[in-house]
Protein backbone atom coordinates (compact mmCIF):
# COMPACT_ATOMS: atom_id res chain seq x y z
CA MET A 1 -102.72 -88.43 -106.44
CA THR A 2 -106.02 -87.17 -105.06
CA PRO A 3 -106.96 -87.46 -101.35
CA VAL A 4 -109.51 -90.17 -102.22
CA GLN A 5 -106.93 -92.22 -104.12
CA LEU A 6 -104.47 -91.86 -101.25
CA LEU A 7 -107.09 -92.95 -98.72
CA ILE A 8 -107.91 -96.03 -100.82
CA LEU A 9 -104.21 -96.96 -100.93
CA VAL A 10 -103.92 -96.56 -97.14
CA ALA A 11 -107.03 -98.72 -96.70
CA ILE A 12 -105.45 -101.47 -98.82
CA PHE A 13 -102.30 -101.42 -96.68
CA LEU A 14 -104.43 -101.45 -93.53
CA VAL A 15 -106.41 -104.49 -94.67
CA ALA A 16 -103.17 -106.29 -95.52
CA ARG A 17 -101.82 -105.35 -92.09
CA ILE A 18 -104.88 -106.79 -90.33
CA ILE A 19 -104.79 -110.02 -92.39
CA LEU A 20 -101.11 -110.58 -91.63
CA SER A 21 -101.65 -109.85 -87.94
CA LEU A 22 -104.50 -112.38 -87.67
CA ARG A 23 -102.74 -115.05 -89.70
CA PRO A 24 -101.70 -118.06 -87.56
CA VAL A 25 -97.97 -118.34 -86.98
CA ALA A 26 -96.60 -121.46 -88.65
CA ALA A 27 -94.04 -123.56 -86.81
CA GLY A 28 -90.52 -122.43 -87.62
CA SER A 29 -91.61 -119.16 -89.26
CA HIS A 30 -90.67 -117.09 -86.19
CA GLY A 31 -93.64 -114.80 -86.87
CA LYS A 32 -92.17 -113.41 -90.10
CA SER A 33 -95.59 -112.18 -91.28
CA ALA A 34 -96.06 -110.11 -88.15
CA VAL A 35 -92.51 -108.75 -88.42
CA PHE A 36 -93.12 -107.78 -92.07
CA ALA A 37 -96.37 -106.06 -91.16
CA ARG A 38 -94.77 -104.17 -88.30
CA GLU A 39 -91.58 -103.12 -90.10
CA TYR A 40 -92.92 -102.35 -93.58
CA LEU A 41 -96.69 -101.86 -93.62
CA ASP A 42 -97.02 -99.82 -90.42
CA PRO A 43 -94.72 -96.99 -91.64
CA PHE A 44 -96.62 -96.84 -94.96
CA ILE A 45 -99.96 -96.62 -93.14
CA VAL A 46 -98.78 -93.88 -90.76
CA ALA A 47 -97.13 -91.91 -93.57
CA GLY A 48 -100.22 -92.30 -95.77
CA LEU A 49 -102.58 -91.05 -93.07
CA ALA A 50 -100.29 -88.11 -92.35
CA ALA A 51 -100.14 -87.24 -96.06
CA PHE A 52 -103.95 -87.54 -96.32
CA LEU A 53 -104.46 -85.10 -93.45
CA LEU A 54 -101.84 -82.77 -94.93
CA ILE A 55 -103.32 -82.55 -98.44
CA THR A 56 -106.90 -82.45 -97.17
CA PHE A 57 -106.55 -79.70 -94.58
CA VAL A 58 -103.16 -77.96 -94.94
CA ALA A 59 -101.59 -78.02 -98.41
CA ARG A 60 -101.77 -79.64 -101.81
CA THR A 61 -99.86 -79.61 -105.08
CA TYR A 62 -101.14 -78.04 -108.29
CA TYR A 63 -99.84 -78.62 -111.82
CA ILE A 64 -99.98 -75.73 -114.30
CA PRO A 65 -101.68 -77.04 -117.47
CA SER A 66 -101.99 -73.83 -119.53
CA ALA A 67 -100.33 -70.51 -120.35
CA SER A 68 -102.98 -68.31 -118.71
CA MET A 69 -100.64 -67.23 -115.88
CA VAL A 70 -97.50 -66.69 -118.00
CA PRO A 71 -94.98 -65.20 -117.22
CA THR A 72 -95.53 -65.78 -113.48
CA LEU A 73 -96.33 -69.47 -113.93
CA GLN A 74 -95.13 -71.60 -116.80
CA ILE A 75 -96.78 -74.71 -118.28
CA GLY A 76 -95.51 -77.70 -116.31
CA ASP A 77 -94.77 -75.82 -113.09
CA VAL A 78 -95.80 -77.62 -109.91
CA LEU A 79 -96.94 -75.46 -107.00
CA LEU A 80 -97.70 -75.84 -103.34
CA VAL A 81 -101.10 -74.45 -102.36
CA ASN A 82 -101.90 -73.34 -98.81
CA LYS A 83 -105.37 -74.70 -98.00
CA PHE A 84 -105.22 -73.54 -94.38
CA GLN A 85 -104.91 -69.77 -94.75
CA TYR A 86 -108.37 -68.96 -96.07
CA ARG A 87 -110.02 -70.71 -93.14
CA PHE A 88 -109.05 -67.64 -91.11
CA VAL A 89 -108.59 -64.71 -93.52
CA ARG A 90 -110.12 -63.54 -96.79
CA PRO A 91 -108.06 -63.38 -100.00
CA SER A 92 -106.01 -60.24 -100.58
CA GLU A 93 -105.50 -58.30 -103.78
CA GLY A 94 -102.69 -59.94 -105.74
CA ASP A 95 -103.05 -63.40 -104.20
CA ILE A 96 -102.64 -66.25 -106.68
CA VAL A 97 -105.57 -68.54 -105.90
CA VAL A 98 -106.69 -72.05 -106.84
CA PHE A 99 -110.48 -72.34 -106.95
CA PRO A 100 -113.38 -74.14 -108.65
CA PRO A 101 -114.64 -71.79 -111.39
CA PRO A 102 -118.33 -71.02 -111.99
CA ILE A 103 -118.37 -73.05 -115.22
CA PRO A 104 -118.57 -76.82 -115.78
CA THR A 105 -115.11 -78.39 -115.49
CA THR A 106 -113.42 -81.20 -113.59
CA ASP A 107 -110.37 -79.06 -112.80
CA ASP A 108 -109.72 -76.15 -110.47
CA PHE A 109 -108.51 -72.90 -112.05
CA ILE A 110 -105.63 -70.71 -110.92
CA LYS A 111 -105.80 -66.92 -111.31
CA ARG A 112 -104.79 -63.72 -109.54
CA VAL A 113 -107.19 -61.82 -107.28
CA ILE A 114 -107.71 -58.35 -108.78
CA GLY A 115 -110.97 -57.14 -107.23
CA ARG A 116 -112.59 -58.01 -103.89
CA PRO A 117 -116.10 -57.55 -102.48
CA GLY A 118 -117.04 -53.87 -102.37
CA ASP A 119 -114.37 -52.79 -104.87
CA ARG A 120 -115.03 -50.75 -108.01
CA LEU A 121 -113.14 -52.06 -111.03
CA ALA A 122 -112.69 -51.02 -114.65
CA ILE A 123 -110.27 -51.67 -117.53
CA ARG A 124 -109.58 -48.85 -119.97
CA ASP A 125 -106.95 -48.70 -122.72
CA GLY A 126 -105.04 -51.65 -121.28
CA VAL A 127 -104.95 -50.34 -117.70
CA VAL A 128 -106.81 -51.89 -114.75
CA TYR A 129 -108.36 -49.34 -112.40
CA LEU A 130 -109.26 -50.44 -108.88
CA ASN A 131 -111.36 -47.96 -106.89
CA GLY A 132 -110.32 -45.24 -109.31
CA LYS A 133 -106.56 -45.87 -109.12
CA ALA A 134 -104.49 -47.44 -111.89
CA LEU A 135 -102.82 -50.68 -110.84
CA VAL A 136 -99.10 -51.14 -111.38
CA GLU A 137 -98.80 -54.68 -112.70
CA PRO A 138 -95.21 -55.72 -113.47
CA TYR A 139 -96.26 -59.38 -113.48
CA ILE A 140 -98.43 -59.37 -116.63
CA ALA A 141 -97.42 -60.68 -120.05
CA GLU A 142 -99.15 -57.82 -121.86
CA ARG A 143 -101.92 -55.33 -121.29
CA PRO A 144 -105.49 -56.54 -121.83
CA GLY A 145 -106.77 -55.83 -125.34
CA TYR A 146 -110.34 -55.24 -124.12
CA ASN A 147 -112.13 -52.68 -121.99
CA LEU A 148 -114.36 -53.64 -119.07
CA GLN A 149 -116.77 -51.97 -116.70
CA ILE A 150 -118.63 -53.16 -113.64
CA ARG A 151 -121.81 -51.10 -113.60
CA ASN A 152 -125.58 -51.36 -113.44
CA TYR A 153 -125.30 -54.69 -111.53
CA GLY A 154 -123.38 -56.33 -114.36
CA ILE A 155 -120.04 -56.90 -116.07
CA TYR A 156 -119.69 -55.13 -119.44
CA VAL A 157 -116.86 -56.15 -121.78
CA THR A 158 -115.73 -55.02 -125.22
CA GLN A 159 -114.42 -57.42 -127.84
CA LEU A 160 -110.75 -57.47 -128.80
CA GLY A 161 -110.14 -54.68 -131.32
CA ASP A 162 -113.48 -52.98 -130.61
CA PRO A 163 -112.99 -50.68 -127.59
CA LYS A 164 -116.37 -48.93 -127.77
CA SER A 165 -119.02 -51.64 -128.15
CA TYR A 166 -119.80 -53.23 -124.78
CA ASP A 167 -121.57 -56.55 -124.25
CA VAL A 168 -122.95 -57.51 -120.84
CA LEU A 169 -122.11 -60.96 -119.50
CA ASP A 170 -125.20 -63.14 -119.55
CA PRO A 171 -126.07 -64.42 -116.03
CA HIS A 172 -127.10 -67.71 -117.65
CA ASN A 173 -123.50 -68.23 -118.82
CA ALA A 174 -121.52 -66.35 -116.18
CA ASN A 175 -121.61 -65.90 -112.41
CA VAL A 176 -123.11 -62.41 -112.16
CA PRO A 177 -125.38 -62.41 -109.08
CA PRO A 178 -128.87 -60.86 -109.01
CA ARG A 179 -128.96 -57.27 -107.83
CA GLN A 180 -130.11 -58.15 -104.29
CA TYR A 181 -126.58 -59.45 -103.62
CA TRP A 182 -124.92 -56.16 -104.64
CA SER A 183 -124.25 -53.35 -102.16
CA ALA A 184 -124.15 -50.87 -105.08
CA PRO A 185 -124.61 -51.18 -108.87
CA ASP A 186 -120.88 -50.63 -109.53
CA ARG A 187 -119.29 -52.56 -106.64
CA ILE A 188 -118.28 -56.22 -106.60
CA PRO A 189 -120.92 -58.23 -104.70
CA LYS A 190 -120.53 -60.01 -101.38
CA ASP A 191 -118.28 -63.12 -101.44
CA CYS A 192 -117.38 -62.42 -105.10
CA TYR A 193 -113.89 -61.85 -106.50
CA PHE A 194 -112.73 -60.61 -109.89
CA MET A 195 -109.97 -62.94 -111.09
CA MET A 196 -107.56 -62.43 -113.97
CA GLY A 197 -104.74 -64.43 -115.51
CA ASP A 198 -101.38 -62.68 -115.84
CA ASN A 199 -101.38 -63.59 -119.53
CA ARG A 200 -104.27 -61.18 -120.00
CA ASN A 201 -105.12 -61.87 -123.64
CA ASP A 202 -104.78 -65.65 -123.34
CA SER A 203 -106.75 -66.23 -120.15
CA GLU A 204 -110.31 -67.38 -119.64
CA ASP A 205 -111.12 -65.52 -116.44
CA SER A 206 -113.67 -63.18 -114.85
CA HIS A 207 -114.04 -61.14 -118.03
CA VAL A 208 -115.49 -64.32 -119.60
CA TRP A 209 -117.25 -66.30 -116.83
CA GLY A 210 -117.94 -63.66 -114.21
CA PHE A 211 -116.99 -63.67 -110.54
CA ALA A 212 -115.26 -66.41 -108.61
CA GLN A 213 -117.04 -66.99 -105.33
CA PHE A 214 -115.43 -67.52 -101.93
CA ALA A 215 -118.32 -69.18 -100.11
CA GLY A 216 -121.95 -70.24 -100.32
CA ARG A 217 -123.37 -71.41 -103.63
CA PHE A 218 -122.93 -69.92 -107.07
CA ASP A 219 -125.59 -67.26 -107.52
CA SER A 220 -125.96 -67.58 -111.31
CA GLY A 221 -124.43 -69.14 -114.40
CA PRO A 222 -124.20 -72.78 -115.47
CA GLU A 223 -123.05 -73.87 -111.98
CA MET A 224 -125.84 -71.99 -110.20
CA GLY A 225 -126.72 -73.60 -106.87
CA LYS A 226 -123.53 -75.66 -106.63
CA PRO A 227 -121.09 -75.10 -103.73
CA ALA A 228 -118.56 -72.31 -104.25
CA SER A 229 -115.22 -72.01 -102.48
CA PHE A 230 -111.54 -71.13 -102.76
CA THR A 231 -109.22 -74.14 -102.53
CA GLY A 232 -106.22 -72.13 -101.35
CA ARG A 233 -103.41 -69.69 -102.09
CA ALA A 234 -100.45 -70.76 -104.23
CA PHE A 235 -97.28 -69.81 -102.35
CA LEU A 236 -94.39 -71.81 -103.79
CA ILE A 237 -93.15 -73.13 -107.13
CA PHE A 238 -91.14 -76.23 -106.19
CA TRP A 239 -90.75 -77.85 -109.61
CA PRO A 240 -88.77 -77.54 -111.77
CA PHE A 241 -85.99 -76.78 -109.32
CA SER A 242 -84.34 -74.44 -111.83
CA HIS A 243 -86.83 -71.68 -111.03
CA ALA A 244 -88.25 -72.77 -107.69
CA HIS A 245 -89.23 -69.75 -105.60
CA ILE A 246 -91.82 -68.31 -103.24
CA LEU A 247 -94.71 -66.53 -104.95
């Protein structure tokens, strides 16, 4: 249930509560309508408002619809997402984040933060290099089958099976900001994050649609000019109970 749907449900209960409270008490009824409103509707209204505040400002659930984060997250997993944390701190390397991607979709995406603003990042022969150091990634399903470079104010990617021929992501189709937003031609721009799925060769992520963006408005791509943000950090798998754990 979305926050809007929850708020509509609370509003319906509240209207019913007001109608029952204003209804004249019939002789011999002993005010049963008022008792019903007080004992049954009031707790629903209070609980609904509390839940609305919780999912709007503190936490929300997220259902995993695809295999892009396998083996860390399985299809059908339900997570809790901390919406409060990023109001005070920026995402860290390795965080699993829910966010609106820079491409047209009605759903948020969930990926892992690999590169942050100011970082240098490359992928060579299946290994991710961050600021010149190879990352140790025990959480991935398999090594990426493509090479990637961030250079010359762009993201350059090879095709699967062709490690030498690089194509640059088109700013019309991907969020690759204009050069005035870059601090250097080979460093991730301000407010931008390089996101990857743990299932590297079955994940539509930053090697396809460019940078996720923490704040402001998307600087390029099909969502250019629309608000950008991070919804929150996934911190707990709570369903199914058989493999519930903290992320």
